[in-house]
Amino acid sequence: MKIKVGDPTPEFILPAIDGTDFDMSSTKGKRVIFTFFRFSTCPFCNIRINRIIKRWDEFSDDIQMIGVFDAEIEELKNKMKKHNPPFTVVADSSYELFLKHGVEKSFFRFLLGALRSPITFLQATFKGYFPNTFSVKKMSTIPVDILINEEGTVVEAHYCRDTVDHIPIEKLISFSNGQ
């Protein structure tokens, strides 16, 4: 079932790239940016993370950001070394959290994202973000961005139109700063 505005914070515990088990309940009382990314070598996901990290100093110190990937934890740890993200990155190797929250798959929408954003794809390629999978199952996942307030209530649930459609970084920054 898709996450909707007004829903409570999704509950889960997943392995994080820092070696801990991340418990979403630990975000209580904080603003949260929660993203369902695709697979660990997704060029669009990696360029998105790169762009967020470049602007991380504009985010509130109190923001909690969690990115979940369809990946094995060891593979994800290895791929995220390139970023050293200042936020939590977790692995859902079973894909259960994705399924539970209505994350969609669409090969057509994957292709649409790739065709719609050739410059983004080139930028990702020049940074060394290559898709090391050609599994249609993994490549067809469409991202989701969720914003959760301090009360633990979803205030925005953005099920992306394609693989490059996300909540704009400026809006994430504003949300993190209480605006």
C-alpha atoms as a PDB file:
ATOM      1  CA  MET A   1       0.000   0.000   0.000  1.00  0.00           C
ATOM      2  CA  LYS A   2       1.345   3.419  -0.969  1.00  0.00           C
ATOM      3  CA  ILE A   3       2.353   5.835   1.761  1.00  0.00           C
ATOM      4  CA  LYS A   4      -0.025   8.814   1.928  1.00  0.00           C
ATOM      5  CA  VAL A   5      -0.051  12.252   3.528  1.00  0.00           C
ATOM      6  CA  GLY A   6      -1.200  11.819   7.127  1.00  0.00           C
ATOM      7  CA  ASP A   7       0.220   8.304   7.505  1.00  0.00           C
ATOM      8  CA  PRO A   8       2.541   7.561  10.433  1.00  0.00           C
ATOM      9  CA  THR A   9       6.264   7.049   9.922  1.00  0.00           C
ATOM     10  CA  PRO A  10       6.909   3.676   8.285  1.00  0.00           C
ATOM     11  CA  GLU A  11       8.355   1.225  10.788  1.00  0.00           C
ATOM     12  CA  PHE A  12      11.340  -0.924   9.898  1.00  0.00           C
ATOM     13  CA  ILE A  13      14.792  -2.054  10.968  1.00  0.00           C
ATOM     14  CA  LEU A  14      17.370  -2.567   8.208  1.00  0.00           C
ATOM     15  CA  PRO A  15      21.168  -2.931   8.050  1.00  0.00           C
ATOM     16  CA  ALA A  16      22.979   0.370   7.497  1.00  0.00           C
ATOM     17  CA  ILE A  17      26.260   0.968   5.704  1.00  0.00           C
ATOM     18  CA  ASP A  18      27.839   2.095   9.004  1.00  0.00           C
ATOM     19  CA  GLY A  19      27.538  -1.498  10.303  1.00  0.00           C
ATOM     20  CA  THR A  20      24.543  -0.894  12.567  1.00  0.00           C
ATOM     21  CA  ASP A  21      20.928  -1.938  12.285  1.00  0.00           C
ATOM     22  CA  PHE A  22      18.974   1.249  11.650  1.00  0.00           C
ATOM     23  CA  ASP A  23      15.599   1.471  13.402  1.00  0.00           C
ATOM     24  CA  MET A  24      13.262   4.050  11.852  1.00  0.00           C
ATOM     25  CA  SER A  25      11.687   4.601  15.278  1.00  0.00           C
ATOM     26  CA  SER A  26      14.935   6.404  16.235  1.00  0.00           C
ATOM     27  CA  THR A  27      13.804   9.361  14.093  1.00  0.00           C
ATOM     28  CA  LYS A  28      10.969  10.259  16.474  1.00  0.00           C
ATOM     29  CA  GLY A  29      10.823  13.994  17.135  1.00  0.00           C
ATOM     30  CA  LYS A  30      12.856  14.920  14.040  1.00  0.00           C
ATOM     31  CA  ARG A  31      12.076  15.984  10.516  1.00  0.00           C
ATOM     32  CA  VAL A  32      12.802  13.097   8.168  1.00  0.00           C
ATOM     33  CA  ILE A  33      13.579  12.817   4.470  1.00  0.00           C
ATOM     34  CA  PHE A  34      13.081   9.203   3.452  1.00  0.00           C
ATOM     35  CA  THR A  35      13.846   7.999  -0.071  1.00  0.00           C
ATOM     36  CA  PHE A  36      13.365   4.679  -1.774  1.00  0.00           C
ATOM     37  CA  PHE A  37      16.271   4.659  -4.215  1.00  0.00           C
ATOM     38  CA  ARG A  38      16.778   1.940  -6.794  1.00  0.00           C
ATOM     39  CA  PHE A  39      19.872  -0.306  -6.881  1.00  0.00           C
ATOM     40  CA  SER A  40      23.360   0.496  -5.566  1.00  0.00           C
ATOM     41  CA  THR A  41      24.944   1.297  -8.948  1.00  0.00           C
ATOM     42  CA  CYS A  42      22.009   3.279 -10.360  1.00  0.00           C
ATOM     43  CA  PRO A  43      23.578   6.310 -12.091  1.00  0.00           C
ATOM     44  CA  PHE A  44      20.542   8.511 -11.365  1.00  0.00           C
ATOM     45  CA  CYS A  45      20.484   7.558  -7.669  1.00  0.00           C
ATOM     46  CA  ASN A  46      24.203   8.131  -7.301  1.00  0.00           C
ATOM     47  CA  ILE A  47      24.139  11.543  -8.988  1.00  0.00           C
ATOM     48  CA  ARG A  48      21.179  12.484  -6.760  1.00  0.00           C
ATOM     49  CA  ILE A  49      23.164  11.532  -3.659  1.00  0.00           C
ATOM     50  CA  ASN A  50      26.184  13.439  -4.996  1.00  0.00           C
ATOM     51  CA  ARG A  51      24.060  16.566  -5.503  1.00  0.00           C
ATOM     52  CA  ILE A  52      22.515  16.316  -2.028  1.00  0.00           C
ATOM     53  CA  ILE A  53      25.935  15.894  -0.410  1.00  0.00           C
ATOM     54  CA  LYS A  54      27.259  18.967  -2.262  1.00  0.00           C
ATOM     55  CA  ARG A  55      24.495  21.016  -0.610  1.00  0.00           C
ATOM     56  CA  TRP A  56      24.435  19.203   2.736  1.00  0.00           C
ATOM     57  CA  ASP A  57      25.689  22.277   4.619  1.00  0.00           C
ATOM     58  CA  GLU A  58      22.387  24.003   3.679  1.00  0.00           C
ATOM     59  CA  PHE A  59      20.332  21.331   5.461  1.00  0.00           C
ATOM     60  CA  SER A  60      19.386  21.693   9.118  1.00  0.00           C
ATOM     61  CA  ASP A  61      21.682  19.872  11.538  1.00  0.00           C
ATOM     62  CA  ASP A  62      18.563  18.229  12.973  1.00  0.00           C
ATOM     63  CA  ILE A  63      17.368  16.630   9.745  1.00  0.00           C
ATOM     64  CA  GLN A  64      17.373  12.869   9.469  1.00  0.00           C
ATOM     65  CA  MET A  65      17.768  11.555   5.953  1.00  0.00           C
ATOM     66  CA  ILE A  66      17.420   7.881   5.188  1.00  0.00           C
ATOM     67  CA  GLY A  67      17.971   6.310   1.796  1.00  0.00           C
ATOM     68  CA  VAL A  68      16.980   2.698   1.236  1.00  0.00           C
ATOM     69  CA  PHE A  69      18.341   0.662  -1.665  1.00  0.00           C
ATOM     70  CA  ASP A  70      17.386  -2.644  -3.233  1.00  0.00           C
ATOM     71  CA  ALA A  71      20.806  -4.163  -2.509  1.00  0.00           C
ATOM     72  CA  GLU A  72      22.842  -6.526  -0.401  1.00  0.00           C
ATOM     73  CA  ILE A  73      24.462  -4.608   2.471  1.00  0.00           C
ATOM     74  CA  GLU A  74      28.082  -5.461   1.575  1.00  0.00           C
ATOM     75  CA  GLU A  75      27.594  -4.367  -2.027  1.00  0.00           C
ATOM     76  CA  LEU A  76      25.916  -1.148  -0.839  1.00  0.00           C
ATOM     77  CA  LYS A  77      28.722  -0.406   1.641  1.00  0.00           C
ATOM     78  CA  ASN A  78      31.243  -0.788  -1.154  1.00  0.00           C
ATOM     79  CA  LYS A  79      29.357   1.470  -3.587  1.00  0.00           C
ATOM     80  CA  MET A  80      28.655   4.176  -0.994  1.00  0.00           C
ATOM     81  CA  LYS A  81      32.378   4.521  -0.132  1.00  0.00           C
ATOM     82  CA  LYS A  82      32.565   6.809  -3.155  1.00  0.00           C
ATOM     83  CA  HIS A  83      30.133   9.191  -1.413  1.00  0.00           C
ATOM     84  CA  ASN A  84      30.708   8.783   2.323  1.00  0.00           C
ATOM     85  CA  PRO A  85      27.168  10.119   2.829  1.00  0.00           C
ATOM     86  CA  PRO A  86      26.479  12.242   5.925  1.00  0.00           C
ATOM     87  CA  PHE A  87      23.088  10.561   6.270  1.00  0.00           C
ATOM     88  CA  THR A  88      21.798   7.037   6.803  1.00  0.00           C
ATOM     89  CA  VAL A  89      21.851   4.559   3.927  1.00  0.00           C
ATOM     90  CA  VAL A  90      20.262   1.138   4.405  1.00  0.00           C
ATOM     91  CA  ALA A  91      19.851  -2.032   2.367  1.00  0.00           C
ATOM     92  CA  ASP A  92      16.616  -3.903   1.759  1.00  0.00           C
ATOM     93  CA  SER A  93      17.960  -7.043   0.109  1.00  0.00           C
ATOM     94  CA  SER A  94      14.571  -8.758   0.311  1.00  0.00           C
ATOM     95  CA  TYR A  95      12.727  -5.863  -1.377  1.00  0.00           C
ATOM     96  CA  GLU A  96      10.006  -6.300   1.282  1.00  0.00           C
ATOM     97  CA  LEU A  97       9.936  -2.658   2.397  1.00  0.00           C
ATOM     98  CA  PHE A  98       9.595  -1.558  -1.234  1.00  0.00           C
ATOM     99  CA  LEU A  99       6.684  -3.959  -1.784  1.00  0.00           C
ATOM    100  CA  LYS A 100       4.991  -3.080   1.498  1.00  0.00           C
ATOM    101  CA  HIS A 101       4.892   0.607   0.560  1.00  0.00           C
ATOM    102  CA  GLY A 102       3.785   0.369  -3.043  1.00  0.00           C
ATOM    103  CA  VAL A 103       7.040   1.253  -4.770  1.00  0.00           C
ATOM    104  CA  GLU A 104       6.308   0.761  -8.431  1.00  0.00           C
ATOM    105  CA  LYS A 105       8.200  -0.861 -11.268  1.00  0.00           C
ATOM    106  CA  SER A 106       7.894   0.258 -14.844  1.00  0.00           C
ATOM    107  CA  PHE A 107      10.336  -0.413 -17.639  1.00  0.00           C
ATOM    108  CA  PHE A 108       8.590   2.243 -19.755  1.00  0.00           C
ATOM    109  CA  ARG A 109       8.988   4.885 -17.001  1.00  0.00           C
ATOM    110  CA  PHE A 110      12.642   3.829 -16.577  1.00  0.00           C
ATOM    111  CA  LEU A 111      13.194   4.453 -20.296  1.00  0.00           C
ATOM    112  CA  LEU A 112      11.288   7.728 -20.093  1.00  0.00           C
ATOM    113  CA  GLY A 113      13.612   8.942 -17.318  1.00  0.00           C
ATOM    114  CA  ALA A 114      16.685   7.974 -19.305  1.00  0.00           C
ATOM    115  CA  LEU A 115      15.392   9.701 -22.448  1.00  0.00           C
ATOM    116  CA  ARG A 116      14.200  12.755 -20.535  1.00  0.00           C
ATOM    117  CA  SER A 117      17.532  13.364 -18.831  1.00  0.00           C
ATOM    118  CA  PRO A 118      20.468  12.547 -21.100  1.00  0.00           C
ATOM    119  CA  ILE A 119      22.570  15.328 -19.519  1.00  0.00           C
ATOM    120  CA  THR A 120      22.016  13.900 -16.043  1.00  0.00           C
ATOM    121  CA  PHE A 121      22.977  10.462 -17.334  1.00  0.00           C
ATOM    122  CA  LEU A 122      26.158  11.905 -18.921  1.00  0.00           C
ATOM    123  CA  GLN A 123      27.038  13.750 -15.704  1.00  0.00           C
ATOM    124  CA  ALA A 124      26.602  10.516 -13.758  1.00  0.00           C
ATOM    125  CA  THR A 125      28.728   8.630 -16.273  1.00  0.00           C
ATOM    126  CA  PHE A 126      31.528  11.214 -16.091  1.00  0.00           C
ATOM    127  CA  LYS A 127      31.516  10.843 -12.310  1.00  0.00           C
ATOM    128  CA  GLY A 128      31.941   7.081 -12.718  1.00  0.00           C
ATOM    129  CA  TYR A 129      28.413   5.990 -11.820  1.00  0.00           C
ATOM    130  CA  PHE A 130      27.806   3.029 -14.084  1.00  0.00           C
ATOM    131  CA  PRO A 131      24.873   0.635 -13.768  1.00  0.00           C
ATOM    132  CA  ASN A 132      26.538  -2.668 -12.937  1.00  0.00           C
ATOM    133  CA  THR A 133      23.265  -4.490 -13.370  1.00  0.00           C
ATOM    134  CA  PHE A 134      21.182  -5.048 -16.414  1.00  0.00           C
ATOM    135  CA  SER A 135      18.375  -6.731 -14.521  1.00  0.00           C
ATOM    136  CA  VAL A 136      15.083  -5.318 -15.809  1.00  0.00           C
ATOM    137  CA  LYS A 137      13.657  -6.121 -12.371  1.00  0.00           C
ATOM    138  CA  LYS A 138      16.104  -3.775 -10.626  1.00  0.00           C
ATOM    139  CA  MET A 139      16.306  -1.140 -13.356  1.00  0.00           C
ATOM    140  CA  SER A 140      12.535  -0.691 -13.542  1.00  0.00           C
ATOM    141  CA  THR A 141      12.112   0.442  -9.921  1.00  0.00           C
ATOM    142  CA  ILE A 142      10.731   3.980  -9.689  1.00  0.00           C
ATOM    143  CA  PRO A 143      11.982   6.069  -6.704  1.00  0.00           C
ATOM    144  CA  VAL A 144       9.832   7.544  -3.929  1.00  0.00           C
ATOM    145  CA  ASP A 145      10.540  10.572  -1.710  1.00  0.00           C
ATOM    146  CA  ILE A 146       8.750  10.895   1.643  1.00  0.00           C
ATOM    147  CA  LEU A 147       8.818  13.889   4.007  1.00  0.00           C
ATOM    148  CA  ILE A 148       7.894  13.273   7.642  1.00  0.00           C
ATOM    149  CA  ASN A 149       7.391  15.954  10.302  1.00  0.00           C
ATOM    150  CA  GLU A 150       8.530  15.974  13.938  1.00  0.00           C
ATOM    151  CA  GLU A 151       5.242  14.416  15.029  1.00  0.00           C
ATOM    152  CA  GLY A 152       5.983  11.361  12.893  1.00  0.00           C
ATOM    153  CA  THR A 153       3.371  12.161  10.261  1.00  0.00           C
ATOM    154  CA  VAL A 154       3.930  12.009   6.513  1.00  0.00           C
ATOM    155  CA  VAL A 155       3.520  15.517   5.063  1.00  0.00           C
ATOM    156  CA  GLU A 156       4.473  14.615   1.490  1.00  0.00           C
ATOM    157  CA  ALA A 157       4.662  11.325  -0.376  1.00  0.00           C
ATOM    158  CA  HIS A 158       6.116  11.782  -3.840  1.00  0.00           C
ATOM    159  CA  TYR A 159       5.877   8.644  -5.962  1.00  0.00           C
ATOM    160  CA  CYS A 160       8.149   9.704  -8.794  1.00  0.00           C
ATOM    161  CA  ARG A 161       6.932   9.794 -12.399  1.00  0.00           C
ATOM    162  CA  ASP A 162      10.170   8.243 -13.639  1.00  0.00           C
ATOM    163  CA  THR A 163      13.725   7.471 -12.538  1.00  0.00           C
ATOM    164  CA  VAL A 164      14.918  11.097 -12.425  1.00  0.00           C
ATOM    165  CA  ASP A 165      11.802  12.747 -10.977  1.00  0.00           C
ATOM    166  CA  HIS A 166      12.370  13.633  -7.310  1.00  0.00           C
ATOM    167  CA  ILE A 167      11.327  16.332  -4.889  1.00  0.00           C
ATOM    168  CA  PRO A 168      13.669  19.222  -5.784  1.00  0.00           C
ATOM    169  CA  ILE A 169      16.706  19.554  -3.510  1.00  0.00           C
ATOM    170  CA  GLU A 170      15.711  23.168  -2.725  1.00  0.00           C
ATOM    171  CA  LYS A 171      12.415  21.895  -1.304  1.00  0.00           C
ATOM    172  CA  LEU A 172      14.249  19.249   0.770  1.00  0.00           C
ATOM    173  CA  ILE A 173      16.498  21.986   2.181  1.00  0.00           C
ATOM    174  CA  SER A 174      13.489  24.201   2.996  1.00  0.00           C
ATOM    175  CA  PHE A 175      11.691  21.289   4.656  1.00  0.00           C
ATOM    176  CA  SER A 176      14.783  20.462   6.728  1.00  0.00           C
ATOM    177  CA  ASN A 177      14.899  24.058   7.947  1.00  0.00           C
ATOM    178  CA  GLY A 178      11.244  24.096   8.969  1.00  0.00           C
ATOM    179  CA  GLN A 179       9.993  26.197   6.060  1.00  0.00           C
END
